[in-house]
Amino acid sequence: MTLSLSATGRVFDRPIETVYRPAHPLNLAQVIMFQRRGGGDPTILQDGPVIWRASRTPEGTATVALRQDSSGAVRAAAWGDGAGWALAQVPDLCGASDDPDAFDPRDHPLLRDTHRRSIELRLGRTDLVFDALAGAIIEQKVTGMQAFAAWRRLVRWHGELAPGPTPVPLHAPPTIEGWRSIPSWSWHRAGLEPPQARTIVGAARIGRSLVAAAERAGDGPDRDRVLTSVRGVGLWTAAETRIRAFGDPDAVSVGDYHLAHEVGYALTGHRVDDDGMLELLEPWAGQRQRAIRLIRMSGAREERRGPRLHPEDHRAR
């Protein structure tokens, strides 16, 4: 039996391994690292050519290490009780169920050119609904910096140290019951506001049935109805959940602080509101999330005006 030594000094059995050979060009780092929540996300790390990802699978915690070789094949190794589930899910994590051929850039030059240059873009899915939902709730109505810091603290404090020989300690997110049982002082110390904490706890109370209903739902609007049945979850949060958990190619995060401005500027040269954004994206109905990803990859950016927002830290209060 071959043993591996982790960054924490723990010893692990030899991993189980698989090779995924995509039938299309794939930029592994682009599709997997999209799931990262900020540079310090304790669930995911890129270490040279290897991407390490810790997750809370339906079968237990797992760490998967992914590396793409010169032929384009993705070599994956996994540790932990959920290793089998994590390896079986690797193709979808890499975008195997995504269909970019369904996207027609039409006559818009920016989308047409970016689409042509981005043949390796795939929309991956984690199939982990509650993790995606909790992360999206944390990101409600705060800056990215605040949200990423809160996610980082909560996962490290209340998640589980990931198995495997990770180059630095990684953590899997809490279980659904773990999210529910986080004490009020811990939410506050992590920098999360009470409305977001209450929403996560409320979702966790019905977590298993909520996840099952979202997985059974047939399309994006059906999933929106399921997710928004939780008090405090709106269409923005539902869309963000659909994007990560299901790789939904049509999800649009209506209500985002920046998105409508970005889409409007890229497609027309000036800002629009949410209604204007939806009108602009209508030609790509069914593939609006892909259009948004291409817009963000295009480099089209409006020049910043005014000072950046400096968030207040309420944790000492």
C-alpha atoms as a PDB file:
ATOM      1  CA  MET A   1       0.000   0.000   0.000  1.00  0.00           C
ATOM      2  CA  THR A   2       1.351   3.433  -0.959  1.00  0.00           C
ATOM      3  CA  LEU A   3       0.944   6.218   1.588  1.00  0.00           C
ATOM      4  CA  SER A   4       0.925   9.987   0.997  1.00  0.00           C
ATOM      5  CA  LEU A   5       1.891  12.727   3.424  1.00  0.00           C
ATOM      6  CA  SER A   6      -0.284  15.869   3.561  1.00  0.00           C
ATOM      7  CA  ALA A   7       0.701  19.458   4.329  1.00  0.00           C
ATOM      8  CA  THR A   8      -0.552  18.876   7.875  1.00  0.00           C
ATOM      9  CA  GLY A   9       1.625  15.813   8.372  1.00  0.00           C
ATOM     10  CA  ARG A  10      -1.297  13.376   8.145  1.00  0.00           C
ATOM     11  CA  VAL A  11      -0.799  10.113   6.280  1.00  0.00           C
ATOM     12  CA  PHE A  12      -3.256   8.977   3.605  1.00  0.00           C
ATOM     13  CA  ASP A  13      -3.735   5.850   1.540  1.00  0.00           C
ATOM     14  CA  ARG A  14      -3.058   5.867  -2.157  1.00  0.00           C
ATOM     15  CA  PRO A  15      -5.796   7.818  -4.011  1.00  0.00           C
ATOM     16  CA  ILE A  16      -8.224   6.441  -6.514  1.00  0.00           C
ATOM     17  CA  GLU A  17      -7.586   7.814  -9.980  1.00  0.00           C
ATOM     18  CA  THR A  18      -9.218   8.340 -13.344  1.00  0.00           C
ATOM     19  CA  VAL A  19      -8.538  10.041 -16.655  1.00  0.00           C
ATOM     20  CA  TYR A  20     -11.109  12.255 -18.366  1.00  0.00           C
ATOM     21  CA  ARG A  21     -10.511  12.770 -22.079  1.00  0.00           C
ATOM     22  CA  PRO A  22     -12.711  15.658 -23.253  1.00  0.00           C
ATOM     23  CA  ALA A  23     -13.979  15.468 -26.806  1.00  0.00           C
ATOM     24  CA  HIS A  24     -13.377  19.198 -27.223  1.00  0.00           C
ATOM     25  CA  PRO A  25     -10.690  21.790 -26.437  1.00  0.00           C
ATOM     26  CA  LEU A  26     -10.639  22.574 -22.718  1.00  0.00           C
ATOM     27  CA  ASN A  27      -8.892  25.190 -20.603  1.00  0.00           C
ATOM     28  CA  LEU A  28      -8.910  23.324 -17.292  1.00  0.00           C
ATOM     29  CA  ALA A  29      -7.857  26.234 -15.081  1.00  0.00           C
ATOM     30  CA  GLN A  30     -10.422  28.546 -16.672  1.00  0.00           C
ATOM     31  CA  VAL A  31     -13.359  26.244 -16.018  1.00  0.00           C
ATOM     32  CA  ILE A  32     -12.377  24.956 -12.559  1.00  0.00           C
ATOM     33  CA  MET A  33     -11.035  28.164 -11.025  1.00  0.00           C
ATOM     34  CA  PHE A  34     -14.292  29.919 -11.884  1.00  0.00           C
ATOM     35  CA  GLN A  35     -15.636  28.130  -8.802  1.00  0.00           C
ATOM     36  CA  ARG A  36     -13.153  29.877  -6.501  1.00  0.00           C
ATOM     37  CA  ARG A  37     -14.520  32.496  -4.109  1.00  0.00           C
ATOM     38  CA  GLY A  38     -11.617  34.900  -3.846  1.00  0.00           C
ATOM     39  CA  GLY A  39      -7.886  34.338  -3.746  1.00  0.00           C
ATOM     40  CA  GLY A  40      -7.906  32.846  -0.243  1.00  0.00           C
ATOM     41  CA  ASP A  41     -10.749  30.366  -0.809  1.00  0.00           C
ATOM     42  CA  PRO A  42      -9.878  27.420   1.477  1.00  0.00           C
ATOM     43  CA  THR A  43     -11.722  24.932  -0.763  1.00  0.00           C
ATOM     44  CA  ILE A  44      -9.620  25.346  -3.910  1.00  0.00           C
ATOM     45  CA  LEU A  45      -6.009  26.004  -4.848  1.00  0.00           C
ATOM     46  CA  GLN A  46      -3.944  26.042  -8.011  1.00  0.00           C
ATOM     47  CA  ASP A  47      -0.411  24.836  -7.309  1.00  0.00           C
ATOM     48  CA  GLY A  48       1.553  24.973 -10.546  1.00  0.00           C
ATOM     49  CA  PRO A  49      -0.174  22.703 -13.084  1.00  0.00           C
ATOM     50  CA  VAL A  50      -2.301  20.967 -10.408  1.00  0.00           C
ATOM     51  CA  ILE A  51      -5.661  22.221  -9.177  1.00  0.00           C
ATOM     52  CA  TRP A  52      -6.707  20.943  -5.749  1.00  0.00           C
ATOM     53  CA  ARG A  53     -10.371  21.074  -4.785  1.00  0.00           C
ATOM     54  CA  ALA A  54     -12.008  20.080  -1.494  1.00  0.00           C
ATOM     55  CA  SER A  55     -15.739  19.445  -1.411  1.00  0.00           C
ATOM     56  CA  ARG A  56     -18.541  18.064   0.714  1.00  0.00           C
ATOM     57  CA  THR A  57     -20.039  15.383  -1.527  1.00  0.00           C
ATOM     58  CA  PRO A  58     -23.215  13.386  -0.820  1.00  0.00           C
ATOM     59  CA  GLU A  59     -20.914  10.532   0.220  1.00  0.00           C
ATOM     60  CA  GLY A  60     -18.606  12.532   2.479  1.00  0.00           C
ATOM     61  CA  THR A  61     -15.661  14.890   2.177  1.00  0.00           C
ATOM     62  CA  ALA A  62     -13.301  14.556  -0.761  1.00  0.00           C
ATOM     63  CA  THR A  63     -10.224  16.172  -2.193  1.00  0.00           C
ATOM     64  CA  VAL A  64      -9.580  15.914  -5.899  1.00  0.00           C
ATOM     65  CA  ALA A  65      -6.341  16.862  -7.662  1.00  0.00           C
ATOM     66  CA  LEU A  66      -6.658  17.708 -11.364  1.00  0.00           C
ATOM     67  CA  ARG A  67      -3.914  18.069 -13.952  1.00  0.00           C
ATOM     68  CA  GLN A  68      -4.188  18.433 -17.729  1.00  0.00           C
ATOM     69  CA  ASP A  69      -1.510  16.744 -19.808  1.00  0.00           C
ATOM     70  CA  SER A  70      -0.131  17.745 -23.199  1.00  0.00           C
ATOM     71  CA  SER A  71      -2.789  15.710 -25.014  1.00  0.00           C
ATOM     72  CA  GLY A  72      -5.596  17.629 -23.286  1.00  0.00           C
ATOM     73  CA  ALA A  73      -6.588  14.710 -21.048  1.00  0.00           C
ATOM     74  CA  VAL A  74      -7.431  15.538 -17.421  1.00  0.00           C
ATOM     75  CA  ARG A  75      -5.783  13.231 -14.894  1.00  0.00           C
ATOM     76  CA  ALA A  76      -7.629  13.186 -11.590  1.00  0.00           C
ATOM     77  CA  ALA A  77      -6.822  11.667  -8.201  1.00  0.00           C
ATOM     78  CA  ALA A  78      -9.117  11.766  -5.184  1.00  0.00           C
ATOM     79  CA  TRP A  79      -9.002  11.045  -1.462  1.00  0.00           C
ATOM     80  CA  GLY A  80     -11.658  10.735   1.233  1.00  0.00           C
ATOM     81  CA  ASP A  81     -15.027   9.094   1.741  1.00  0.00           C
ATOM     82  CA  GLY A  82     -16.462  11.038  -1.188  1.00  0.00           C
ATOM     83  CA  ALA A  83     -13.585  10.250  -3.561  1.00  0.00           C
ATOM     84  CA  GLY A  84     -15.641   7.996  -5.834  1.00  0.00           C
ATOM     85  CA  TRP A  85     -18.403  10.580  -6.173  1.00  0.00           C
ATOM     86  CA  ALA A  86     -15.872  13.355  -6.822  1.00  0.00           C
ATOM     87  CA  LEU A  87     -14.138  11.411  -9.591  1.00  0.00           C
ATOM     88  CA  ALA A  88     -17.434  10.469 -11.243  1.00  0.00           C
ATOM     89  CA  GLN A  89     -18.364  14.153 -11.250  1.00  0.00           C
ATOM     90  CA  VAL A  90     -15.079  15.356 -12.848  1.00  0.00           C
ATOM     91  CA  PRO A  91     -16.432  15.445 -16.441  1.00  0.00           C
ATOM     92  CA  ASP A  92     -19.354  17.708 -15.488  1.00  0.00           C
ATOM     93  CA  LEU A  93     -17.052  19.826 -13.308  1.00  0.00           C
ATOM     94  CA  CYS A  94     -14.988  20.296 -16.479  1.00  0.00           C
ATOM     95  CA  GLY A  95     -18.050  21.191 -18.568  1.00  0.00           C
ATOM     96  CA  ALA A  96     -18.805  17.888 -20.303  1.00  0.00           C
ATOM     97  CA  SER A  97     -22.561  18.525 -20.159  1.00  0.00           C
ATOM     98  CA  ASP A  98     -22.182  22.054 -21.544  1.00  0.00           C
ATOM     99  CA  ASP A  99     -23.071  22.660 -25.203  1.00  0.00           C
ATOM    100  CA  PRO A 100     -21.333  25.753 -26.589  1.00  0.00           C
ATOM    101  CA  ASP A 101     -22.546  24.910 -30.103  1.00  0.00           C
ATOM    102  CA  ALA A 102     -25.998  26.079 -28.982  1.00  0.00           C
ATOM    103  CA  PHE A 103     -24.628  29.633 -28.795  1.00  0.00           C
ATOM    104  CA  ASP A 104     -24.968  31.824 -31.884  1.00  0.00           C
ATOM    105  CA  PRO A 105     -23.028  35.087 -31.537  1.00  0.00           C
ATOM    106  CA  ARG A 106     -25.185  36.583 -34.306  1.00  0.00           C
ATOM    107  CA  ASP A 107     -23.846  39.776 -35.773  1.00  0.00           C
ATOM    108  CA  HIS A 108     -22.368  41.404 -32.691  1.00  0.00           C
ATOM    109  CA  PRO A 109     -18.635  41.812 -33.399  1.00  0.00           C
ATOM    110  CA  LEU A 110     -17.484  41.722 -29.773  1.00  0.00           C
ATOM    111  CA  LEU A 111     -19.278  38.465 -28.990  1.00  0.00           C
ATOM    112  CA  ARG A 112     -18.432  36.950 -32.365  1.00  0.00           C
ATOM    113  CA  ASP A 113     -14.704  37.664 -31.982  1.00  0.00           C
ATOM    114  CA  THR A 114     -14.510  36.643 -28.330  1.00  0.00           C
ATOM    115  CA  HIS A 115     -16.443  33.442 -29.027  1.00  0.00           C
ATOM    116  CA  ARG A 116     -14.051  32.580 -31.851  1.00  0.00           C
ATOM    117  CA  ARG A 117     -11.018  33.151 -29.593  1.00  0.00           C
ATOM    118  CA  SER A 118     -12.533  31.234 -26.664  1.00  0.00           C
ATOM    119  CA  ILE A 119     -13.164  27.762 -28.038  1.00  0.00           C
ATOM    120  CA  GLU A 120     -11.832  26.291 -24.769  1.00  0.00           C
ATOM    121  CA  LEU A 121     -14.573  27.940 -22.658  1.00  0.00           C
ATOM    122  CA  ARG A 122     -16.874  25.482 -20.934  1.00  0.00           C
ATOM    123  CA  LEU A 123     -19.476  26.086 -18.213  1.00  0.00           C
ATOM    124  CA  GLY A 124     -18.786  23.553 -15.486  1.00  0.00           C
ATOM    125  CA  ARG A 125     -21.105  22.430 -12.719  1.00  0.00           C
ATOM    126  CA  THR A 126     -20.422  21.223  -9.177  1.00  0.00           C
ATOM    127  CA  ASP A 127     -23.761  19.448  -8.549  1.00  0.00           C
ATOM    128  CA  LEU A 128     -23.455  20.679  -4.944  1.00  0.00           C
ATOM    129  CA  VAL A 129     -26.520  22.860  -4.541  1.00  0.00           C
ATOM    130  CA  PHE A 130     -26.309  23.875  -0.901  1.00  0.00           C
ATOM    131  CA  ASP A 131     -22.651  24.894  -1.071  1.00  0.00           C
ATOM    132  CA  ALA A 132     -23.459  27.111  -4.055  1.00  0.00           C
ATOM    133  CA  LEU A 133     -26.520  28.552  -2.322  1.00  0.00           C
ATOM    134  CA  ALA A 134     -24.687  29.316   0.940  1.00  0.00           C
ATOM    135  CA  GLY A 135     -21.872  31.018  -0.945  1.00  0.00           C
ATOM    136  CA  ALA A 136     -24.306  33.109  -2.951  1.00  0.00           C
ATOM    137  CA  ILE A 137     -26.194  34.190   0.176  1.00  0.00           C
ATOM    138  CA  ILE A 138     -22.916  35.290   1.754  1.00  0.00           C
ATOM    139  CA  GLU A 139     -22.281  37.478  -1.292  1.00  0.00           C
ATOM    140  CA  GLN A 140     -25.638  39.293  -1.066  1.00  0.00           C
ATOM    141  CA  LYS A 141     -25.397  43.102  -0.911  1.00  0.00           C
ATOM    142  CA  VAL A 142     -21.752  43.297   0.158  1.00  0.00           C
ATOM    143  CA  THR A 143     -18.449  43.839  -1.613  1.00  0.00           C
ATOM    144  CA  GLY A 144     -16.607  40.856  -2.979  1.00  0.00           C
ATOM    145  CA  MET A 145     -13.826  41.458  -0.475  1.00  0.00           C
ATOM    146  CA  GLN A 146     -16.263  41.220   2.461  1.00  0.00           C
ATOM    147  CA  ALA A 147     -17.998  38.141   1.078  1.00  0.00           C
ATOM    148  CA  PHE A 148     -14.803  36.255   0.295  1.00  0.00           C
ATOM    149  CA  ALA A 149     -13.423  36.967   3.771  1.00  0.00           C
ATOM    150  CA  ALA A 150     -16.644  35.724   5.428  1.00  0.00           C
ATOM    151  CA  TRP A 151     -16.689  32.562   3.282  1.00  0.00           C
ATOM    152  CA  ARG A 152     -13.033  31.916   4.094  1.00  0.00           C
ATOM    153  CA  ARG A 153     -13.544  32.264   7.856  1.00  0.00           C
ATOM    154  CA  LEU A 154     -16.747  30.249   8.063  1.00  0.00           C
ATOM    155  CA  VAL A 155     -15.415  27.349   5.998  1.00  0.00           C
ATOM    156  CA  ARG A 156     -12.200  27.185   8.006  1.00  0.00           C
ATOM    157  CA  TRP A 157     -13.954  27.461  11.373  1.00  0.00           C
ATOM    158  CA  HIS A 158     -16.934  25.211  10.716  1.00  0.00           C
ATOM    159  CA  GLY A 159     -15.944  23.056   7.739  1.00  0.00           C
ATOM    160  CA  GLU A 160     -13.742  19.973   7.790  1.00  0.00           C
ATOM    161  CA  LEU A 161     -10.049  19.628   7.089  1.00  0.00           C
ATOM    162  CA  ALA A 162      -9.790  18.070   3.650  1.00  0.00           C
ATOM    163  CA  PRO A 163      -8.233  14.642   3.136  1.00  0.00           C
ATOM    164  CA  GLY A 164      -5.229  14.001   0.933  1.00  0.00           C
ATOM    165  CA  PRO A 165      -1.684  15.350   0.519  1.00  0.00           C
ATOM    166  CA  THR A 166      -2.716  18.922  -0.253  1.00  0.00           C
ATOM    167  CA  PRO A 167       0.179  21.413  -0.553  1.00  0.00           C
ATOM    168  CA  VAL A 168      -1.507  23.618   2.070  1.00  0.00           C
ATOM    169  CA  PRO A 169      -4.423  22.743   4.355  1.00  0.00           C
ATOM    170  CA  LEU A 170      -7.751  22.900   2.509  1.00  0.00           C
ATOM    171  CA  HIS A 171     -11.225  22.640   4.023  1.00  0.00           C
ATOM    172  CA  ALA A 172     -14.526  21.242   2.798  1.00  0.00           C
ATOM    173  CA  PRO A 173     -17.561  23.426   3.560  1.00  0.00           C
ATOM    174  CA  PRO A 174     -19.831  22.564   6.495  1.00  0.00           C
ATOM    175  CA  THR A 175     -22.584  20.007   6.174  1.00  0.00           C
ATOM    176  CA  ILE A 176     -26.118  21.362   5.840  1.00  0.00           C
ATOM    177  CA  GLU A 177     -26.622  20.726   9.547  1.00  0.00           C
ATOM    178  CA  GLY A 178     -23.259  22.354  10.172  1.00  0.00           C
ATOM    179  CA  TRP A 179     -24.391  25.572   8.491  1.00  0.00           C
ATOM    180  CA  ARG A 180     -27.580  25.485  10.562  1.00  0.00           C
ATOM    181  CA  SER A 181     -25.750  25.100  13.854  1.00  0.00           C
ATOM    182  CA  ILE A 182     -23.224  27.929  13.447  1.00  0.00           C
ATOM    183  CA  PRO A 183     -23.653  30.133  16.547  1.00  0.00           C
ATOM    184  CA  SER A 184     -24.674  33.773  16.173  1.00  0.00           C
ATOM    185  CA  TRP A 185     -21.381  35.098  17.504  1.00  0.00           C
ATOM    186  CA  SER A 186     -19.476  33.148  14.843  1.00  0.00           C
ATOM    187  CA  TRP A 187     -21.476  34.690  12.007  1.00  0.00           C
ATOM    188  CA  HIS A 188     -20.748  38.110  13.489  1.00  0.00           C
ATOM    189  CA  ARG A 189     -17.045  37.409  13.970  1.00  0.00           C
ATOM    190  CA  ALA A 190     -16.823  36.242  10.363  1.00  0.00           C
ATOM    191  CA  GLY A 191     -18.190  39.617   9.246  1.00  0.00           C
ATOM    192  CA  LEU A 192     -21.575  38.447   8.010  1.00  0.00           C
ATOM    193  CA  GLU A 193     -24.670  40.557   8.570  1.00  0.00           C
ATOM    194  CA  PRO A 194     -27.674  39.060  10.447  1.00  0.00           C
ATOM    195  CA  PRO A 195     -29.992  38.939   7.386  1.00  0.00           C
ATOM    196  CA  GLN A 196     -27.567  36.710   5.471  1.00  0.00           C
ATOM    197  CA  ALA A 197     -26.956  34.516   8.513  1.00  0.00           C
ATOM    198  CA  ARG A 198     -30.706  34.098   9.065  1.00  0.00           C
ATOM    199  CA  THR A 199     -31.207  33.205   5.415  1.00  0.00           C
ATOM    200  CA  ILE A 200     -28.553  30.480   5.454  1.00  0.00           C
ATOM    201  CA  VAL A 201     -29.935  29.031   8.683  1.00  0.00           C
ATOM    202  CA  GLY A 202     -33.467  29.135   7.277  1.00  0.00           C
ATOM    203  CA  ALA A 203     -32.356  27.377   4.090  1.00  0.00           C
ATOM    204  CA  ALA A 204     -30.485  24.772   6.137  1.00  0.00           C
ATOM    205  CA  ARG A 205     -33.647  23.933   8.118  1.00  0.00           C
ATOM    206  CA  ILE A 206     -35.155  22.539   4.914  1.00  0.00           C
ATOM    207  CA  GLY A 207     -31.803  21.902   3.261  1.00  0.00           C
ATOM    208  CA  ARG A 208     -32.178  18.322   2.104  1.00  0.00           C
ATOM    209  CA  SER A 209     -35.679  18.770   0.676  1.00  0.00           C
ATOM    210  CA  LEU A 210     -34.628  22.073  -0.891  1.00  0.00           C
ATOM    211  CA  VAL A 211     -31.655  20.457  -2.637  1.00  0.00           C
ATOM    212  CA  ALA A 212     -33.780  17.529  -3.817  1.00  0.00           C
ATOM    213  CA  ALA A 213     -36.438  19.853  -5.232  1.00  0.00           C
ATOM    214  CA  ALA A 214     -33.840  21.989  -7.026  1.00  0.00           C
ATOM    215  CA  GLU A 215     -32.267  18.879  -8.547  1.00  0.00           C
ATOM    216  CA  ARG A 216     -35.673  17.616  -9.734  1.00  0.00           C
ATOM    217  CA  ALA A 217     -36.647  20.956 -11.278  1.00  0.00           C
ATOM    218  CA  GLY A 218     -36.713  20.830 -15.043  1.00  0.00           C
ATOM    219  CA  ASP A 219     -35.263  24.192 -15.972  1.00  0.00           C
ATOM    220  CA  GLY A 220     -33.993  27.541 -14.707  1.00  0.00           C
ATOM    221  CA  PRO A 221     -37.372  29.129 -13.908  1.00  0.00           C
ATOM    222  CA  ASP A 222     -38.437  25.996 -12.013  1.00  0.00           C
ATOM    223  CA  ARG A 223     -35.220  26.102 -10.015  1.00  0.00           C
ATOM    224  CA  ASP A 224     -35.757  29.794  -9.333  1.00  0.00           C
ATOM    225  CA  ARG A 225     -39.191  28.994  -7.878  1.00  0.00           C
ATOM    226  CA  VAL A 226     -37.679  26.350  -5.617  1.00  0.00           C
ATOM    227  CA  LEU A 227     -34.778  28.459  -4.397  1.00  0.00           C
ATOM    228  CA  THR A 228     -36.728  31.691  -3.938  1.00  0.00           C
ATOM    229  CA  SER A 229     -39.233  29.866  -1.742  1.00  0.00           C
ATOM    230  CA  VAL A 230     -36.636  30.417   1.002  1.00  0.00           C
ATOM    231  CA  ARG A 231     -37.143  33.731   2.763  1.00  0.00           C
ATOM    232  CA  GLY A 232     -34.225  36.012   1.907  1.00  0.00           C
ATOM    233  CA  VAL A 233     -33.372  34.291  -1.389  1.00  0.00           C
ATOM    234  CA  GLY A 234     -34.153  36.378  -4.440  1.00  0.00           C
ATOM    235  CA  LEU A 235     -33.552  35.996  -8.144  1.00  0.00           C
ATOM    236  CA  TRP A 236     -29.922  37.168  -7.930  1.00  0.00           C
ATOM    237  CA  THR A 237     -29.068  34.492  -5.359  1.00  0.00           C
ATOM    238  CA  ALA A 238     -30.979  31.826  -7.270  1.00  0.00           C
ATOM    239  CA  ALA A 239     -29.139  32.688 -10.501  1.00  0.00           C
ATOM    240  CA  GLU A 240     -25.742  32.607  -8.801  1.00  0.00           C
ATOM    241  CA  THR A 241     -26.617  29.181  -7.385  1.00  0.00           C
ATOM    242  CA  ARG A 242     -27.730  27.882 -10.772  1.00  0.00           C
ATOM    243  CA  ILE A 243     -24.519  29.113 -12.408  1.00  0.00           C
ATOM    244  CA  ARG A 244     -22.212  27.234 -10.046  1.00  0.00           C
ATOM    245  CA  ALA A 245     -24.217  24.161  -9.098  1.00  0.00           C
ATOM    246  CA  PHE A 246     -25.816  23.434 -12.476  1.00  0.00           C
ATOM    247  CA  GLY A 247     -23.609  25.244 -14.996  1.00  0.00           C
ATOM    248  CA  ASP A 248     -26.790  26.923 -16.244  1.00  0.00           C
ATOM    249  CA  PRO A 249     -25.974  28.576 -19.607  1.00  0.00           C
ATOM    250  CA  ASP A 250     -28.975  30.923 -19.382  1.00  0.00           C
ATOM    251  CA  ALA A 251     -28.805  32.197 -15.771  1.00  0.00           C
ATOM    252  CA  VAL A 252     -28.662  35.986 -15.426  1.00  0.00           C
ATOM    253  CA  SER A 253     -27.931  37.561 -12.041  1.00  0.00           C
ATOM    254  CA  VAL A 254     -30.535  40.310 -12.146  1.00  0.00           C
ATOM    255  CA  GLY A 255     -29.934  42.831  -9.369  1.00  0.00           C
ATOM    256  CA  ASP A 256     -26.146  42.616  -9.519  1.00  0.00           C
ATOM    257  CA  TYR A 257     -24.415  45.887  -8.639  1.00  0.00           C
ATOM    258  CA  HIS A 258     -22.161  45.858 -11.731  1.00  0.00           C
ATOM    259  CA  LEU A 259     -23.521  43.367 -14.265  1.00  0.00           C
ATOM    260  CA  ALA A 260     -26.078  45.497 -16.109  1.00  0.00           C
ATOM    261  CA  HIS A 261     -23.518  48.291 -16.491  1.00  0.00           C
ATOM    262  CA  GLU A 262     -20.918  45.849 -17.826  1.00  0.00           C
ATOM    263  CA  VAL A 263     -23.288  44.279 -20.340  1.00  0.00           C
ATOM    264  CA  GLY A 264     -24.644  47.624 -21.495  1.00  0.00           C
ATOM    265  CA  TYR A 265     -21.213  49.164 -21.945  1.00  0.00           C
ATOM    266  CA  ALA A 266     -19.828  46.137 -23.802  1.00  0.00           C
ATOM    267  CA  LEU A 267     -22.770  45.793 -26.195  1.00  0.00           C
ATOM    268  CA  THR A 268     -23.777  49.432 -26.706  1.00  0.00           C
ATOM    269  CA  GLY A 269     -21.041  51.662 -25.278  1.00  0.00           C
ATOM    270  CA  HIS A 270     -23.198  53.010 -22.457  1.00  0.00           C
ATOM    271  CA  ARG A 271     -24.730  51.814 -19.185  1.00  0.00           C
ATOM    272  CA  VAL A 272     -28.164  50.249 -18.909  1.00  0.00           C
ATOM    273  CA  ASP A 273     -30.350  49.073 -16.030  1.00  0.00           C
ATOM    274  CA  ASP A 274     -31.524  45.499 -15.452  1.00  0.00           C
ATOM    275  CA  ASP A 275     -34.442  45.822 -17.869  1.00  0.00           C
ATOM    276  CA  GLY A 276     -32.103  47.187 -20.506  1.00  0.00           C
ATOM    277  CA  MET A 277     -29.660  44.345 -19.901  1.00  0.00           C
ATOM    278  CA  LEU A 278     -32.365  41.710 -20.307  1.00  0.00           C
ATOM    279  CA  GLU A 279     -33.473  43.344 -23.544  1.00  0.00           C
ATOM    280  CA  LEU A 280     -29.907  43.376 -24.867  1.00  0.00           C
ATOM    281  CA  LEU A 281     -29.400  39.713 -23.951  1.00  0.00           C
ATOM    282  CA  GLU A 282     -32.704  38.549 -25.430  1.00  0.00           C
ATOM    283  CA  PRO A 283     -31.132  37.473 -28.779  1.00  0.00           C
ATOM    284  CA  TRP A 284     -29.164  34.879 -26.802  1.00  0.00           C
ATOM    285  CA  ALA A 285     -32.064  33.513 -24.752  1.00  0.00           C
ATOM    286  CA  GLY A 286     -31.064  30.079 -23.545  1.00  0.00           C
ATOM    287  CA  GLN A 287     -27.389  31.060 -23.629  1.00  0.00           C
ATOM    288  CA  ARG A 288     -27.380  34.392 -21.785  1.00  0.00           C
ATOM    289  CA  GLN A 289     -24.883  33.285 -19.134  1.00  0.00           C
ATOM    290  CA  ARG A 290     -22.461  32.281 -21.874  1.00  0.00           C
ATOM    291  CA  ALA A 291     -22.896  35.697 -23.479  1.00  0.00           C
ATOM    292  CA  ILE A 292     -22.116  37.305 -20.104  1.00  0.00           C
ATOM    293  CA  ARG A 293     -19.010  35.158 -19.632  1.00  0.00           C
ATOM    294  CA  LEU A 294     -17.805  36.098 -23.101  1.00  0.00           C
ATOM    295  CA  ILE A 295     -18.429  39.770 -22.379  1.00  0.00           C
ATOM    296  CA  ARG A 296     -16.314  39.523 -19.231  1.00  0.00           C
ATOM    297  CA  MET A 297     -13.586  37.685 -21.133  1.00  0.00           C
ATOM    298  CA  SER A 298     -13.588  40.256 -23.933  1.00  0.00           C
ATOM    299  CA  GLY A 299     -11.757  42.925 -21.945  1.00  0.00           C
ATOM    300  CA  ALA A 300     -14.435  45.547 -22.653  1.00  0.00           C
ATOM    301  CA  ARG A 301     -14.411  47.692 -19.510  1.00  0.00           C
ATOM    302  CA  GLU A 302     -15.873  51.070 -18.722  1.00  0.00           C
ATOM    303  CA  GLU A 303     -13.361  53.439 -17.155  1.00  0.00           C
ATOM    304  CA  ARG A 304     -13.893  53.603 -13.398  1.00  0.00           C
ATOM    305  CA  ARG A 305     -15.336  56.812 -12.005  1.00  0.00           C
ATOM    306  CA  GLY A 306     -15.047  58.019  -8.425  1.00  0.00           C
ATOM    307  CA  PRO A 307     -13.464  56.342  -5.413  1.00  0.00           C
ATOM    308  CA  ARG A 308     -13.811  52.665  -4.614  1.00  0.00           C
ATOM    309  CA  LEU A 309     -16.235  51.629  -1.891  1.00  0.00           C
ATOM    310  CA  HIS A 310     -14.508  51.056   1.445  1.00  0.00           C
ATOM    311  CA  PRO A 311     -16.614  48.586   3.456  1.00  0.00           C
ATOM    312  CA  GLU A 312     -17.115  49.124   7.155  1.00  0.00           C
ATOM    313  CA  ASP A 313     -16.044  46.463   9.611  1.00  0.00           C
ATOM    314  CA  HIS A 314     -18.796  45.948  12.208  1.00  0.00           C
ATOM    315  CA  ARG A 315     -17.264  42.937  13.954  1.00  0.00           C
ATOM    316  CA  ALA A 316     -16.000  44.921  16.951  1.00  0.00           C
ATOM    317  CA  ARG A 317     -19.468  46.293  17.704  1.00  0.00           C
END
